[in-house]
Protein backbone atom coordinates (compact mmCIF):
# COMPACT_ATOMS: atom_id res chain seq x y z
CA MET A 1 -39.49 -20.38 -34.97
CA SER A 2 -38.88 -17.76 -32.29
CA ASP A 3 -40.26 -20.11 -29.64
CA VAL A 4 -37.61 -22.66 -30.57
CA LEU A 5 -34.85 -20.03 -30.36
CA ILE A 6 -36.15 -18.84 -27.00
CA ALA A 7 -36.20 -22.40 -25.69
CA ILE A 8 -32.68 -23.11 -26.98
CA PHE A 9 -31.14 -19.91 -25.57
CA ALA A 10 -32.97 -20.18 -22.23
CA THR A 11 -32.05 -23.86 -21.85
CA LEU A 12 -28.39 -23.31 -22.73
CA GLY A 13 -28.25 -20.31 -20.40
CA THR A 14 -29.76 -22.31 -17.58
CA ILE A 15 -27.30 -25.16 -18.15
CA PHE A 16 -24.33 -22.78 -18.02
CA VAL A 17 -25.59 -21.11 -14.84
CA PHE A 18 -26.12 -24.55 -13.31
CA LEU A 19 -22.60 -25.62 -14.32
CA ALA A 20 -21.24 -22.45 -12.73
CA ALA A 21 -23.04 -23.30 -9.50
CA VAL A 22 -21.73 -26.86 -9.55
CA GLY A 23 -18.23 -25.59 -10.31
CA LEU A 24 -18.44 -23.16 -7.43
CA VAL A 25 -19.12 -26.04 -5.08
CA ARG A 26 -16.69 -28.53 -6.63
CA MET A 27 -13.59 -26.43 -7.29
CA PRO A 28 -10.93 -26.80 -4.57
CA ASP A 29 -9.66 -23.23 -4.21
CA THR A 30 -10.67 -19.61 -4.60
CA TYR A 31 -8.79 -19.04 -7.85
CA LEU A 32 -10.45 -21.94 -9.70
CA ARG A 33 -13.86 -20.89 -8.36
CA ILE A 34 -13.35 -17.40 -9.73
CA SER A 35 -12.52 -18.83 -13.13
CA VAL A 36 -15.61 -21.03 -13.25
CA THR A 37 -18.06 -18.38 -12.16
CA THR A 38 -16.64 -15.69 -14.42
CA LYS A 39 -16.82 -17.75 -17.56
CA ALA A 40 -19.84 -20.01 -17.16
CA ALA A 41 -22.14 -17.66 -15.27
CA THR A 42 -21.44 -14.75 -17.61
CA LEU A 43 -22.21 -16.87 -20.65
CA GLY A 44 -25.33 -18.31 -19.01
CA ILE A 45 -26.71 -14.93 -18.04
CA GLY A 46 -25.99 -13.60 -21.52
CA LEU A 47 -27.89 -16.46 -23.15
CA ILE A 48 -30.86 -16.05 -20.82
CA LEU A 49 -30.97 -12.33 -21.58
CA ILE A 50 -30.87 -13.02 -25.32
CA ALA A 51 -33.84 -15.37 -24.86
CA ALA A 52 -35.69 -12.55 -23.06
CA ALA A 53 -34.91 -10.09 -25.87
CA ILE A 54 -36.27 -12.54 -28.46
CA TYR A 55 -39.36 -13.23 -26.34
CA PHE A 56 -40.37 -9.59 -25.91
CA ASN A 57 -39.31 -8.57 -29.43
CA GLU A 58 -39.29 -4.82 -28.70
CA LEU A 59 -36.54 -2.37 -29.53
CA SER A 60 -36.47 -0.81 -26.05
CA ILE A 61 -36.13 -4.16 -24.31
CA THR A 62 -33.57 -5.44 -26.82
CA SER A 63 -31.43 -2.33 -26.34
CA ARG A 64 -31.59 -2.73 -22.57
CA VAL A 65 -30.64 -6.40 -22.87
CA LEU A 66 -27.67 -5.53 -25.05
CA ALA A 67 -26.59 -2.84 -22.58
CA ILE A 68 -26.84 -5.30 -19.69
CA ILE A 69 -24.87 -7.96 -21.60
CA LEU A 70 -22.17 -5.41 -22.47
CA PHE A 71 -22.02 -4.28 -18.84
CA ILE A 72 -21.69 -7.87 -17.58
CA PHE A 73 -19.04 -8.75 -20.18
CA LEU A 74 -17.02 -5.69 -19.17
CA THR A 75 -17.36 -5.93 -15.39
CA ALA A 76 -17.24 -9.67 -14.70
CA PRO A 77 -13.58 -10.15 -15.75
CA VAL A 78 -12.50 -6.99 -13.94
CA GLY A 79 -14.30 -8.05 -10.77
CA ALA A 80 -12.82 -11.54 -10.97
CA HIS A 81 -9.34 -10.10 -11.45
CA LEU A 82 -9.72 -7.84 -8.44
CA ILE A 83 -11.03 -10.66 -6.26
CA GLY A 84 -8.15 -12.90 -7.37
CA ARG A 85 -5.59 -10.18 -6.78
CA ALA A 86 -6.98 -9.36 -3.33
CA SER A 87 -7.01 -13.07 -2.48
CA TYR A 88 -3.38 -13.44 -3.51
CA PHE A 89 -2.32 -10.31 -1.63
CA THR A 90 -4.02 -11.44 1.57
CA GLY A 91 -2.34 -14.83 1.38
CA VAL A 92 -5.13 -17.17 0.33
CA LYS A 93 -3.39 -20.46 -0.39
CA LEU A 94 -3.38 -22.19 -3.76
CA TRP A 95 -4.77 -25.70 -4.07
CA LYS A 96 -2.27 -28.24 -2.75
CA LYS A 97 -2.06 -29.93 -6.17
CA SER A 98 -1.36 -26.69 -8.02
CA VAL A 99 1.71 -27.16 -10.18
CA MET A 100 3.14 -23.65 -10.02
CA ASP A 101 2.57 -20.13 -8.77
CA ASP A 102 3.22 -17.67 -11.58
CA LEU A 103 3.40 -14.71 -9.19
CA GLU A 104 5.83 -16.25 -6.70
CA GLY A 105 8.81 -13.97 -6.22
CA LYS A 106 7.33 -11.21 -8.37
CA TYR A 107 5.17 -9.54 -5.75
CA LYS A 108 6.28 -7.08 -3.07
CA LYS A 109 3.94 -7.29 -0.10
CA THR A 110 4.91 -3.86 1.24
CA THR A 111 4.13 -1.91 -1.95
CA HIS A 112 1.63 -4.25 -3.65
CA LYS A 113 3.61 -3.97 -6.88
CA LEU A 114 4.16 -6.78 -9.31
CA SER A 115 7.26 -7.05 -11.48
CA SER A 116 8.17 -9.37 -14.30
CA GLU A 117 11.36 -11.43 -14.53
CA ASP A 118 12.40 -9.55 -17.68
CA SER A 119 12.43 -6.19 -15.91
CA ASN A 120 14.36 -7.69 -12.99
CA GLU A 121 16.98 -9.10 -15.36
CA LYS A 122 17.33 -5.73 -17.10
CA GLN A 123 17.77 -3.95 -13.78
CA GLU A 124 20.46 -6.46 -12.76
CA ASP A 125 22.26 -5.95 -16.08
CA VAL A 126 22.21 -2.16 -15.56
CA LYS A 127 23.67 -2.52 -12.05
CA LYS A 128 26.57 -4.62 -13.40
């Protein structure tokens, strides 16, 4: 039974890592590539690590696998956010067929601060 679980988790993990690699090549801009690699690769690596934990069936290895999965789940989104933010700040263009830029007009290039429309409206109401 454990061999079947190992095969399922390892196969699914490999498929997700492969899809992340294909998405990295196929996506048209940096922001979509970040999205693909963060989601698919993180899930794929997690599934492969679960297969390894089942294969070795030892408490020390299982605890290390869980620590690695937790570390990846915590750091991958943060790293993707920082890469996306740095890309936006340095002026990396969106894909030409992108419908809208949610950050347009909300970012000050001199201070690197973002503001929402709600706070801008409240400041304008206070000035009046």
